[in-house]
Amino acid sequence: MKKTLITLSIAGLCALPLATQAGTYKETSVSNGGTISGTINFKGKDLPPKTYTISKDNDVCGTGERKIDFVRVKDGHLLDTIVYLEKVKEGKPFPADVGDVGDVGDVGDVGDVGDVGDAIIDQKGCEFKPFLQAMKNKDVLDAVNDDPILHNIHTYELIRGDAKGPKKTVMNISQPKPGSVKTTIKLKKGPAMKIASVSSAS
């Protein structure tokens, strides 16, 4: 069986939760397993963050401009990167701490994910946190809206695994103000998902 080591480093407009590649995976005990460790180096020109003008719901989203660094580089190393093995049909269980908000950054007042394997993404000040995280395919994504306005959350399955390739809508639903929407994520072809949101004061 061919096993390919894949490095994935992509970002959506606001955030990118990642799921394991689509397909059936059988969890089993592993007695002779190994580990992979290393550093992802960056070569080429590190482009500056993209700048967006905040033109809507300024009392909640703020004013002026917001800068988003989709490809972050530090000391020649590529940040926000997930490495995984492709075409693995069976193996040890998915790590319980992957997807834990405590491992991927501050998400305001949301707290810990709770259920093993579930992922949570928070919108506060019209900005997604965390920017990038991993989750298990067919687990539940809890999209939280901490803003006092209605947000419409739109997610896309990235068929090829990168933001510029073909994509397919996974969900496109309105979020309560404030409140949360829980959805089981089922990716069929791609290993990643991009998340975008539109706010509405109505």
N, C-alpha and C. Protein backbone atom coordinates (compact mmCIF):
# COMPACT_ATOMS: atom_id res chain seq x y z
N MET A 1 0.84 -1.19 0.00
CA MET A 1 0.00 0.00 0.00
C MET A 1 0.88 1.24 0.00
N LYS A 2 0.57 2.16 -0.89
CA LYS A 2 1.34 3.41 -0.97
C LYS A 2 0.90 4.38 0.10
N LYS A 3 1.86 4.94 0.82
CA LYS A 3 1.57 5.95 1.83
C LYS A 3 2.36 7.20 1.44
N THR A 4 1.66 8.30 1.32
CA THR A 4 2.30 9.53 0.89
C THR A 4 2.23 10.56 2.00
N LEU A 5 3.34 11.18 2.28
CA LEU A 5 3.38 12.24 3.29
C LEU A 5 2.99 13.55 2.62
N ILE A 6 1.95 14.18 3.15
CA ILE A 6 1.43 15.40 2.56
C ILE A 6 1.61 16.56 3.53
N THR A 7 2.08 17.68 3.02
CA THR A 7 2.15 18.91 3.80
C THR A 7 1.08 19.85 3.28
N LEU A 8 0.21 20.31 4.16
CA LEU A 8 -0.89 21.16 3.76
C LEU A 8 -0.80 22.48 4.49
N SER A 9 -0.74 23.56 3.75
CA SER A 9 -0.67 24.88 4.36
C SER A 9 -1.47 25.84 3.51
N ILE A 10 -2.73 26.02 3.88
CA ILE A 10 -3.62 26.88 3.13
C ILE A 10 -4.49 27.65 4.09
N ALA A 11 -5.13 28.69 3.63
CA ALA A 11 -5.97 29.49 4.50
C ALA A 11 -7.18 29.99 3.74
N GLY A 12 -8.29 30.10 4.44
CA GLY A 12 -9.48 30.65 3.85
C GLY A 12 -9.54 32.15 4.10
N LEU A 13 -10.69 32.72 3.78
CA LEU A 13 -10.83 34.16 3.95
C LEU A 13 -10.67 34.57 5.40
N CYS A 14 -11.24 33.77 6.30
CA CYS A 14 -11.14 34.10 7.72
C CYS A 14 -10.54 32.97 8.52
N ALA A 15 -10.86 31.74 8.17
CA ALA A 15 -10.35 30.61 8.94
C ALA A 15 -10.40 29.36 8.10
N LEU A 16 -9.60 28.39 8.50
CA LEU A 16 -9.60 27.14 7.78
C LEU A 16 -9.50 25.97 8.72
N PRO A 17 -10.63 25.32 9.06
CA PRO A 17 -10.51 24.08 9.79
C PRO A 17 -10.23 22.96 8.82
N LEU A 18 -9.39 22.04 9.18
CA LEU A 18 -9.02 20.96 8.29
C LEU A 18 -9.56 19.64 8.78
N ALA A 19 -9.96 18.80 7.87
CA ALA A 19 -10.43 17.46 8.22
C ALA A 19 -9.51 16.44 7.59
N THR A 20 -9.46 15.25 8.17
CA THR A 20 -8.67 14.19 7.56
C THR A 20 -9.27 13.87 6.20
N GLN A 21 -8.47 13.31 5.31
CA GLN A 21 -8.93 13.08 3.95
C GLN A 21 -10.19 12.22 3.96
N ALA A 22 -11.06 12.50 2.98
CA ALA A 22 -12.32 11.78 2.91
C ALA A 22 -12.07 10.29 2.67
N GLY A 23 -12.99 9.45 3.14
CA GLY A 23 -12.86 8.01 2.95
C GLY A 23 -12.98 7.28 4.27
N THR A 24 -13.12 5.96 4.19
CA THR A 24 -13.28 5.14 5.38
C THR A 24 -11.92 4.84 6.00
N TYR A 25 -11.82 5.02 7.30
CA TYR A 25 -10.59 4.74 8.04
C TYR A 25 -10.95 3.83 9.20
N LYS A 26 -10.27 2.72 9.32
CA LYS A 26 -10.55 1.75 10.37
C LYS A 26 -9.58 1.95 11.52
N GLU A 27 -10.12 2.22 12.71
CA GLU A 27 -9.27 2.37 13.90
C GLU A 27 -8.96 1.00 14.48
N THR A 28 -7.66 0.77 14.74
CA THR A 28 -7.22 -0.51 15.26
C THR A 28 -6.01 -0.30 16.15
N SER A 29 -5.65 -1.30 16.93
CA SER A 29 -4.47 -1.18 17.78
C SER A 29 -3.21 -1.29 16.93
N VAL A 30 -2.20 -0.51 17.29
CA VAL A 30 -0.93 -0.49 16.56
C VAL A 30 0.20 -0.75 17.54
N SER A 31 0.98 -1.79 17.29
CA SER A 31 2.05 -2.15 18.21
C SER A 31 3.43 -1.69 17.73
N ASN A 32 3.57 -1.45 16.44
CA ASN A 32 4.88 -1.07 15.90
C ASN A 32 4.83 0.26 15.16
N GLY A 33 4.01 1.17 15.65
CA GLY A 33 3.86 2.47 15.00
C GLY A 33 5.06 3.37 15.20
N GLY A 34 5.10 4.45 14.45
CA GLY A 34 6.19 5.40 14.55
C GLY A 34 5.68 6.82 14.64
N THR A 35 6.58 7.76 14.61
CA THR A 35 6.22 9.17 14.65
C THR A 35 6.97 9.92 13.56
N ILE A 36 6.44 11.06 13.19
CA ILE A 36 7.07 11.92 12.19
C ILE A 36 7.32 13.28 12.84
N SER A 37 8.52 13.78 12.71
CA SER A 37 8.83 15.10 13.26
C SER A 37 9.74 15.82 12.29
N GLY A 38 9.71 17.14 12.35
CA GLY A 38 10.56 17.91 11.45
C GLY A 38 10.13 19.36 11.41
N THR A 39 10.68 20.09 10.46
CA THR A 39 10.41 21.51 10.30
C THR A 39 10.03 21.79 8.85
N ILE A 40 9.00 22.59 8.66
CA ILE A 40 8.58 22.97 7.31
C ILE A 40 9.25 24.30 6.98
N ASN A 41 10.17 24.28 6.02
CA ASN A 41 10.90 25.48 5.63
C ASN A 41 10.17 26.21 4.51
N PHE A 42 10.38 27.51 4.44
CA PHE A 42 9.75 28.34 3.42
C PHE A 42 10.81 28.92 2.49
N LYS A 43 10.58 28.78 1.19
CA LYS A 43 11.47 29.37 0.21
C LYS A 43 10.65 30.28 -0.71
N GLY A 44 11.25 31.36 -1.11
CA GLY A 44 10.54 32.29 -1.98
C GLY A 44 10.27 33.60 -1.27
N LYS A 45 9.41 34.40 -1.85
CA LYS A 45 9.10 35.72 -1.31
C LYS A 45 7.91 35.65 -0.37
N ASP A 46 8.09 36.12 0.84
CA ASP A 46 7.01 36.17 1.82
C ASP A 46 6.19 37.43 1.54
N LEU A 47 5.01 37.24 0.97
CA LEU A 47 4.17 38.38 0.60
C LEU A 47 3.57 39.04 1.83
N PRO A 48 3.33 40.34 1.78
CA PRO A 48 2.72 41.03 2.93
C PRO A 48 1.27 40.61 3.12
N PRO A 49 0.72 40.80 4.31
CA PRO A 49 -0.69 40.46 4.56
C PRO A 49 -1.61 41.23 3.61
N LYS A 50 -2.76 40.62 3.31
CA LYS A 50 -3.75 41.30 2.49
C LYS A 50 -4.56 42.24 3.37
N THR A 51 -4.92 43.39 2.82
CA THR A 51 -5.64 44.41 3.57
C THR A 51 -7.07 44.53 3.06
N TYR A 52 -8.03 44.50 3.99
CA TYR A 52 -9.44 44.62 3.66
C TYR A 52 -10.03 45.82 4.39
N THR A 53 -10.85 46.60 3.69
CA THR A 53 -11.53 47.73 4.31
C THR A 53 -12.79 47.25 5.01
N ILE A 54 -12.95 47.61 6.28
CA ILE A 54 -14.14 47.24 7.04
C ILE A 54 -15.23 48.25 6.70
N SER A 55 -16.24 47.80 5.95
CA SER A 55 -17.24 48.72 5.44
C SER A 55 -18.66 48.40 5.89
N LYS A 56 -18.81 47.43 6.79
CA LYS A 56 -20.15 47.00 7.19
C LYS A 56 -20.19 46.73 8.68
N ASP A 57 -21.31 47.07 9.32
CA ASP A 57 -21.51 46.79 10.75
C ASP A 57 -20.34 47.28 11.58
N ASN A 58 -19.96 48.55 11.37
CA ASN A 58 -18.76 49.08 12.01
C ASN A 58 -18.83 49.12 13.53
N ASP A 59 -20.05 49.21 14.10
CA ASP A 59 -20.16 49.22 15.55
C ASP A 59 -19.75 47.89 16.16
N VAL A 60 -19.81 46.81 15.39
CA VAL A 60 -19.42 45.48 15.87
C VAL A 60 -18.09 45.05 15.26
N CYS A 61 -17.93 45.27 13.97
CA CYS A 61 -16.75 44.78 13.25
C CYS A 61 -15.55 45.71 13.35
N GLY A 62 -15.77 46.96 13.79
CA GLY A 62 -14.68 47.91 13.88
C GLY A 62 -14.65 48.81 12.64
N THR A 63 -13.66 49.66 12.60
CA THR A 63 -13.52 50.59 11.49
C THR A 63 -12.12 50.49 10.89
N GLY A 64 -11.95 51.16 9.77
CA GLY A 64 -10.62 51.18 9.16
C GLY A 64 -10.34 49.95 8.32
N GLU A 65 -9.17 49.35 8.51
CA GLU A 65 -8.75 48.21 7.71
C GLU A 65 -8.39 47.02 8.59
N ARG A 66 -8.51 45.84 8.02
CA ARG A 66 -8.11 44.61 8.71
C ARG A 66 -7.10 43.89 7.83
N LYS A 67 -5.98 43.51 8.42
CA LYS A 67 -4.95 42.79 7.68
C LYS A 67 -5.00 41.31 8.02
N ILE A 68 -4.96 40.48 6.98
CA ILE A 68 -4.98 39.03 7.16
C ILE A 68 -3.76 38.44 6.46
N ASP A 69 -2.92 37.77 7.23
CA ASP A 69 -1.71 37.13 6.70
C ASP A 69 -2.03 35.67 6.42
N PHE A 70 -2.34 35.36 5.17
CA PHE A 70 -2.76 34.01 4.81
C PHE A 70 -1.60 33.01 4.84
N VAL A 71 -0.39 33.48 4.59
CA VAL A 71 0.80 32.61 4.64
C VAL A 71 1.78 33.25 5.61
N ARG A 72 1.89 32.67 6.79
CA ARG A 72 2.75 33.25 7.82
C ARG A 72 4.10 32.54 7.85
N VAL A 73 5.16 33.35 7.86
CA VAL A 73 6.53 32.83 7.87
C VAL A 73 7.28 33.47 9.03
N LYS A 74 8.05 32.65 9.76
CA LYS A 74 8.87 33.17 10.85
C LYS A 74 10.22 32.46 10.82
N ASP A 75 11.30 33.26 10.73
CA ASP A 75 12.67 32.73 10.72
C ASP A 75 12.86 31.65 9.66
N GLY A 76 12.24 31.85 8.50
CA GLY A 76 12.39 30.90 7.41
C GLY A 76 11.52 29.66 7.52
N HIS A 77 10.65 29.59 8.52
CA HIS A 77 9.78 28.44 8.72
C HIS A 77 8.34 28.81 8.40
N LEU A 78 7.63 27.90 7.77
CA LEU A 78 6.23 28.11 7.41
C LEU A 78 5.34 27.74 8.59
N LEU A 79 4.53 28.70 9.04
CA LEU A 79 3.62 28.47 10.16
C LEU A 79 2.26 28.01 9.63
N ASP A 80 1.35 27.69 10.55
CA ASP A 80 -0.01 27.27 10.20
C ASP A 80 0.02 26.13 9.18
N THR A 81 0.75 25.10 9.49
CA THR A 81 0.94 23.97 8.57
C THR A 81 0.51 22.67 9.24
N ILE A 82 -0.19 21.84 8.48
CA ILE A 82 -0.61 20.53 8.98
C ILE A 82 -0.01 19.46 8.07
N VAL A 83 0.63 18.47 8.65
CA VAL A 83 1.24 17.38 7.91
C VAL A 83 0.46 16.10 8.20
N TYR A 84 0.13 15.35 7.13
CA TYR A 84 -0.62 14.11 7.34
C TYR A 84 -0.22 13.07 6.30
N LEU A 85 -0.52 11.82 6.58
CA LEU A 85 -0.24 10.72 5.65
C LEU A 85 -1.47 10.47 4.80
N GLU A 86 -1.26 10.31 3.50
CA GLU A 86 -2.35 10.06 2.58
C GLU A 86 -2.47 8.57 2.27
N LYS A 87 -3.68 8.13 1.99
CA LYS A 87 -3.98 6.75 1.57
C LYS A 87 -3.65 5.74 2.66
N VAL A 88 -3.91 6.08 3.90
CA VAL A 88 -3.77 5.14 5.00
C VAL A 88 -5.16 4.62 5.34
N LYS A 89 -5.40 3.35 5.21
CA LYS A 89 -6.74 2.77 5.38
C LYS A 89 -7.07 2.42 6.81
N GLU A 90 -6.04 2.10 7.63
CA GLU A 90 -6.31 1.74 9.02
C GLU A 90 -5.11 2.07 9.88
N GLY A 91 -5.35 2.21 11.18
CA GLY A 91 -4.28 2.57 12.10
C GLY A 91 -4.83 2.96 13.45
N LYS A 92 -4.00 3.62 14.25
CA LYS A 92 -4.42 3.97 15.60
C LYS A 92 -5.51 5.03 15.60
N PRO A 93 -6.25 5.14 16.68
CA PRO A 93 -7.33 6.12 16.76
C PRO A 93 -6.86 7.54 16.56
N PHE A 94 -7.76 8.39 16.09
CA PHE A 94 -7.48 9.81 15.91
C PHE A 94 -7.13 10.42 17.26
N PRO A 95 -6.05 11.21 17.36
CA PRO A 95 -5.65 11.77 18.66
C PRO A 95 -6.77 12.58 19.32
N ALA A 96 -6.97 12.35 20.59
CA ALA A 96 -8.06 13.00 21.31
C ALA A 96 -7.89 14.50 21.43
N ASP A 97 -6.64 14.98 21.41
CA ASP A 97 -6.41 16.41 21.62
C ASP A 97 -6.38 17.21 20.33
N VAL A 98 -6.46 16.56 19.17
CA VAL A 98 -6.51 17.29 17.90
C VAL A 98 -7.89 17.91 17.76
N GLY A 99 -7.90 19.21 17.45
CA GLY A 99 -9.16 19.93 17.38
C GLY A 99 -9.50 20.64 18.67
N ASP A 100 -8.71 20.37 19.73
CA ASP A 100 -8.92 21.03 21.01
C ASP A 100 -8.53 22.50 20.87
N VAL A 101 -9.46 23.38 21.15
CA VAL A 101 -9.21 24.81 20.99
C VAL A 101 -8.01 25.27 21.81
N GLY A 102 -7.78 24.63 22.92
CA GLY A 102 -6.66 25.02 23.76
C GLY A 102 -5.32 24.83 23.09
N ASP A 103 -5.28 24.01 22.03
CA ASP A 103 -4.03 23.74 21.34
C ASP A 103 -3.80 24.65 20.15
N VAL A 104 -4.80 25.38 19.74
CA VAL A 104 -4.66 26.13 18.49
C VAL A 104 -4.85 27.63 18.66
N GLY A 105 -4.97 28.12 19.87
CA GLY A 105 -5.03 29.56 20.03
C GLY A 105 -6.23 30.04 20.80
N ASP A 106 -6.27 31.33 21.02
CA ASP A 106 -7.32 31.97 21.79
C ASP A 106 -8.59 32.09 20.97
N VAL A 107 -9.71 31.68 21.53
CA VAL A 107 -10.99 31.84 20.85
C VAL A 107 -11.96 32.60 21.75
N GLY A 108 -11.47 33.59 22.42
CA GLY A 108 -12.35 34.42 23.24
C GLY A 108 -12.89 33.69 24.45
N ASP A 109 -14.19 33.76 24.64
CA ASP A 109 -14.83 33.19 25.82
C ASP A 109 -15.42 31.81 25.59
N VAL A 110 -15.14 31.21 24.43
CA VAL A 110 -15.77 29.94 24.10
C VAL A 110 -15.33 28.82 25.02
N GLY A 111 -14.04 28.78 25.35
CA GLY A 111 -13.54 27.73 26.23
C GLY A 111 -13.08 26.52 25.45
N ASP A 112 -13.07 25.36 26.10
CA ASP A 112 -12.57 24.14 25.50
C ASP A 112 -13.62 23.49 24.61
N VAL A 113 -13.18 22.68 23.67
CA VAL A 113 -14.09 22.03 22.74
C VAL A 113 -15.07 21.11 23.46
N GLY A 114 -14.60 20.35 24.42
CA GLY A 114 -15.48 19.44 25.14
C GLY A 114 -15.39 18.05 24.56
N ASP A 115 -16.30 17.67 23.68
CA ASP A 115 -16.34 16.32 23.13
C ASP A 115 -15.08 16.02 22.32
N VAL A 116 -14.56 14.82 22.49
CA VAL A 116 -13.35 14.40 21.79
C VAL A 116 -13.59 14.42 20.28
N GLY A 117 -12.66 15.03 19.56
CA GLY A 117 -12.72 15.03 18.11
C GLY A 117 -13.53 16.17 17.52
N ASP A 118 -14.41 16.80 18.29
CA ASP A 118 -15.20 17.91 17.77
C ASP A 118 -14.33 19.15 17.63
N ALA A 119 -14.76 20.04 16.75
CA ALA A 119 -14.03 21.30 16.52
C ALA A 119 -14.98 22.46 16.76
N ILE A 120 -14.42 23.59 17.12
CA ILE A 120 -15.23 24.77 17.36
C ILE A 120 -14.55 25.98 16.75
N ILE A 121 -15.35 26.84 16.14
CA ILE A 121 -14.83 28.07 15.57
C ILE A 121 -15.72 29.21 16.02
N ASP A 122 -15.10 30.30 16.43
CA ASP A 122 -15.83 31.41 17.04
C ASP A 122 -15.71 32.66 16.19
N GLN A 123 -16.83 33.37 16.06
CA GLN A 123 -16.82 34.68 15.40
C GLN A 123 -17.02 35.75 16.46
N LYS A 124 -16.02 36.59 16.59
CA LYS A 124 -16.07 37.69 17.56
C LYS A 124 -15.45 38.92 16.92
N GLY A 125 -16.20 40.01 16.87
CA GLY A 125 -15.73 41.19 16.17
C GLY A 125 -15.61 40.94 14.68
N CYS A 126 -16.49 40.04 14.17
CA CYS A 126 -16.52 39.69 12.73
C CYS A 126 -15.21 39.07 12.27
N GLU A 127 -14.60 38.29 13.15
CA GLU A 127 -13.34 37.62 12.81
C GLU A 127 -13.37 36.20 13.37
N PHE A 128 -12.96 35.23 12.54
CA PHE A 128 -12.93 33.84 12.97
C PHE A 128 -11.71 33.55 13.82
N LYS A 129 -11.90 32.79 14.88
CA LYS A 129 -10.80 32.26 15.68
C LYS A 129 -11.14 30.82 16.07
N PRO A 130 -10.18 29.92 15.98
CA PRO A 130 -8.81 30.10 15.48
C PRO A 130 -8.76 30.20 13.96
N PHE A 131 -7.63 30.63 13.45
CA PHE A 131 -7.46 30.81 12.01
C PHE A 131 -7.34 29.46 11.30
N LEU A 132 -6.76 28.48 11.96
CA LEU A 132 -6.53 27.16 11.36
C LEU A 132 -6.62 26.10 12.44
N GLN A 133 -7.27 25.00 12.13
CA GLN A 133 -7.30 23.88 13.06
C GLN A 133 -7.57 22.58 12.32
N ALA A 134 -7.36 21.47 12.99
CA ALA A 134 -7.59 20.15 12.42
C ALA A 134 -8.79 19.51 13.09
N MET A 135 -9.51 18.71 12.33
CA MET A 135 -10.63 17.97 12.89
C MET A 135 -10.78 16.65 12.13
N LYS A 136 -11.53 15.75 12.69
CA LYS A 136 -11.76 14.45 12.09
C LYS A 136 -12.98 14.53 11.17
N ASN A 137 -12.85 13.98 9.97
CA ASN A 137 -13.98 13.98 9.05
C ASN A 137 -15.16 13.24 9.66
N LYS A 138 -16.36 13.77 9.44
CA LYS A 138 -17.63 13.25 9.95
C LYS A 138 -17.82 13.53 11.43
N ASP A 139 -17.02 14.45 11.99
CA ASP A 139 -17.28 14.94 13.34
C ASP A 139 -18.06 16.25 13.25
N VAL A 140 -18.40 16.78 14.41
CA VAL A 140 -19.27 17.96 14.47
C VAL A 140 -18.45 19.24 14.59
N LEU A 141 -18.77 20.21 13.73
CA LEU A 141 -18.20 21.54 13.82
C LEU A 141 -19.22 22.44 14.50
N ASP A 142 -18.80 23.08 15.59
CA ASP A 142 -19.66 24.02 16.31
C ASP A 142 -19.25 25.43 15.92
N ALA A 143 -20.06 26.09 15.09
CA ALA A 143 -19.78 27.46 14.65
C ALA A 143 -20.50 28.42 15.58
N VAL A 144 -19.73 29.17 16.35
CA VAL A 144 -20.28 30.05 17.38
C VAL A 144 -20.28 31.50 16.88
N ASN A 145 -21.37 32.19 17.13
CA ASN A 145 -21.46 33.61 16.81
C ASN A 145 -21.53 34.38 18.12
N ASP A 146 -20.45 35.10 18.44
CA ASP A 146 -20.40 35.91 19.65
C ASP A 146 -20.82 37.36 19.39
N ASP A 147 -21.16 37.65 18.13
CA ASP A 147 -21.53 39.02 17.78
C ASP A 147 -23.04 39.24 17.88
N PRO A 148 -23.48 40.45 18.21
CA PRO A 148 -24.92 40.74 18.32
C PRO A 148 -25.57 41.03 16.97
N ILE A 149 -25.04 40.45 15.90
CA ILE A 149 -25.61 40.60 14.57
C ILE A 149 -25.69 39.22 13.92
N LEU A 150 -26.53 39.11 12.89
CA LEU A 150 -26.69 37.86 12.18
C LEU A 150 -25.51 37.63 11.25
N HIS A 151 -24.91 36.43 11.32
CA HIS A 151 -23.85 36.06 10.38
C HIS A 151 -24.36 34.91 9.52
N ASN A 152 -23.98 34.90 8.26
CA ASN A 152 -24.25 33.77 7.38
C ASN A 152 -22.92 33.06 7.16
N ILE A 153 -22.83 31.80 7.58
CA ILE A 153 -21.57 31.07 7.48
C ILE A 153 -21.62 30.15 6.26
N HIS A 154 -20.58 30.25 5.43
CA HIS A 154 -20.52 29.50 4.17
C HIS A 154 -19.20 28.73 4.15
N THR A 155 -19.29 27.41 4.05
CA THR A 155 -18.08 26.58 4.03
C THR A 155 -17.95 25.87 2.70
N TYR A 156 -16.69 25.68 2.28
CA TYR A 156 -16.39 25.06 1.00
C TYR A 156 -15.42 23.90 1.19
N GLU A 157 -15.72 22.77 0.58
CA GLU A 157 -14.76 21.67 0.53
C GLU A 157 -13.74 21.98 -0.57
N LEU A 158 -12.47 21.99 -0.21
CA LEU A 158 -11.41 22.26 -1.19
C LEU A 158 -11.00 20.94 -1.82
N ILE A 159 -11.48 20.71 -3.03
CA ILE A 159 -11.32 19.40 -3.68
C ILE A 159 -9.87 19.00 -3.82
N ARG A 160 -9.03 19.94 -4.19
CA ARG A 160 -7.61 19.64 -4.42
C ARG A 160 -6.77 19.89 -3.18
N GLY A 161 -7.37 20.53 -2.17
CA GLY A 161 -6.65 20.81 -0.93
C GLY A 161 -6.07 22.20 -0.85
N ASP A 162 -6.21 23.01 -1.93
CA ASP A 162 -5.68 24.37 -1.87
C ASP A 162 -6.80 25.36 -2.19
N ALA A 163 -6.62 26.57 -1.70
CA ALA A 163 -7.68 27.58 -1.78
C ALA A 163 -7.96 28.04 -3.20
N LYS A 164 -7.01 27.87 -4.13
CA LYS A 164 -7.21 28.34 -5.50
C LYS A 164 -7.80 27.26 -6.41
N GLY A 165 -7.89 26.05 -5.93
CA GLY A 165 -8.41 24.95 -6.74
C GLY A 165 -9.93 24.87 -6.70
N PRO A 166 -10.50 23.83 -7.31
CA PRO A 166 -11.96 23.67 -7.32
C PRO A 166 -12.50 23.46 -5.91
N LYS A 167 -13.72 23.95 -5.69
CA LYS A 167 -14.33 23.82 -4.37
C LYS A 167 -15.83 23.54 -4.50
N LYS A 168 -16.42 23.04 -3.41
CA LYS A 168 -17.83 22.69 -3.40
C LYS A 168 -18.42 23.10 -2.05
N THR A 169 -19.61 23.70 -2.09
CA THR A 169 -20.25 24.14 -0.85
C THR A 169 -20.57 22.96 0.05
N VAL A 170 -20.20 23.07 1.34
CA VAL A 170 -20.53 22.06 2.34
C VAL A 170 -21.77 22.50 3.11
N MET A 171 -21.79 23.76 3.55
CA MET A 171 -22.99 24.31 4.19
C MET A 171 -23.02 25.81 3.95
N ASN A 172 -24.24 26.35 3.97
CA ASN A 172 -24.45 27.78 3.77
C ASN A 172 -25.70 28.15 4.57
N ILE A 173 -25.49 28.50 5.85
CA ILE A 173 -26.62 28.70 6.75
C ILE A 173 -26.43 29.96 7.59
N SER A 174 -27.54 30.45 8.13
CA SER A 174 -27.50 31.63 8.99
C SER A 174 -27.21 31.24 10.42
N GLN A 175 -26.46 32.09 11.12
CA GLN A 175 -26.15 31.87 12.52
C GLN A 175 -27.00 32.80 13.38
N PRO A 176 -27.48 32.32 14.51
CA PRO A 176 -28.23 33.18 15.43
C PRO A 176 -27.35 34.32 15.94
N LYS A 177 -27.95 35.32 16.52
CA LYS A 177 -27.19 36.49 17.02
C LYS A 177 -27.47 36.76 18.49
N PRO A 178 -26.64 36.39 19.43
CA PRO A 178 -25.55 35.41 19.26
C PRO A 178 -26.10 33.99 19.42
N GLY A 179 -25.28 33.01 19.13
CA GLY A 179 -25.69 31.62 19.24
C GLY A 179 -24.76 30.75 18.43
N SER A 180 -25.09 29.48 18.30
CA SER A 180 -24.20 28.57 17.58
C SER A 180 -24.99 27.64 16.67
N VAL A 181 -24.30 27.14 15.66
CA VAL A 181 -24.85 26.17 14.73
C VAL A 181 -23.91 24.97 14.72
N LYS A 182 -24.45 23.79 14.98
CA LYS A 182 -23.64 22.57 14.98
C LYS A 182 -23.97 21.75 13.75
N THR A 183 -22.92 21.36 13.01
CA THR A 183 -23.09 20.64 11.76
C THR A 183 -22.07 19.52 11.65
N THR A 184 -22.52 18.35 11.24
CA THR A 184 -21.59 17.25 10.97
C THR A 184 -20.91 17.50 9.63
N ILE A 185 -19.59 17.53 9.64
CA ILE A 185 -18.82 17.81 8.43
C ILE A 185 -18.51 16.50 7.71
N LYS A 186 -18.97 16.40 6.46
CA LYS A 186 -18.73 15.20 5.66
C LYS A 186 -18.06 15.61 4.36
N LEU A 187 -16.73 15.54 4.35
CA LEU A 187 -15.99 15.83 3.13
C LEU A 187 -15.84 14.55 2.32
N LYS A 188 -16.11 14.63 1.02
CA LYS A 188 -16.11 13.43 0.18
C LYS A 188 -14.87 13.30 -0.71
N LYS A 189 -14.30 14.44 -1.12
CA LYS A 189 -13.19 14.38 -2.07
C LYS A 189 -11.93 15.09 -1.58
N GLY A 190 -12.08 16.19 -0.87
CA GLY A 190 -10.92 16.99 -0.49
C GLY A 190 -10.54 16.82 0.96
N PRO A 191 -9.30 17.22 1.31
CA PRO A 191 -8.82 17.09 2.69
C PRO A 191 -9.02 18.34 3.53
N ALA A 192 -9.60 19.40 2.95
CA ALA A 192 -9.65 20.66 3.68
C ALA A 192 -10.93 21.41 3.39
N MET A 193 -11.21 22.37 4.26
CA MET A 193 -12.43 23.17 4.13
C MET A 193 -12.12 24.63 4.41
N LYS A 194 -12.65 25.48 3.58
CA LYS A 194 -12.51 26.93 3.75
C LYS A 194 -13.81 27.48 4.33
N ILE A 195 -13.68 28.45 5.24
CA ILE A 195 -14.86 29.04 5.86
C ILE A 195 -14.89 30.54 5.59
N ALA A 196 -16.05 31.03 5.17
CA ALA A 196 -16.26 32.46 4.97
C ALA A 196 -17.57 32.84 5.63
N SER A 197 -17.74 34.12 5.89
CA SER A 197 -18.95 34.58 6.57
C SER A 197 -19.36 35.94 6.03
N VAL A 198 -20.68 36.16 6.01
CA VAL A 198 -21.23 37.45 5.65
C VAL A 198 -22.08 37.92 6.83
N SER A 199 -21.90 39.16 7.24
CA SER A 199 -22.67 39.68 8.37
C SER A 199 -23.84 40.51 7.89
N SER A 200 -24.86 40.58 8.74
CA SER A 200 -26.03 41.36 8.41
C SER A 200 -26.59 41.99 9.67
N ALA A 201 -26.89 43.27 9.65
CA ALA A 201 -27.40 43.95 10.83
C ALA A 201 -28.88 43.74 11.00
N SER A 202 -29.56 43.11 10.07
CA SER A 202 -31.00 42.92 10.15
C SER A 202 -31.38 41.86 11.17
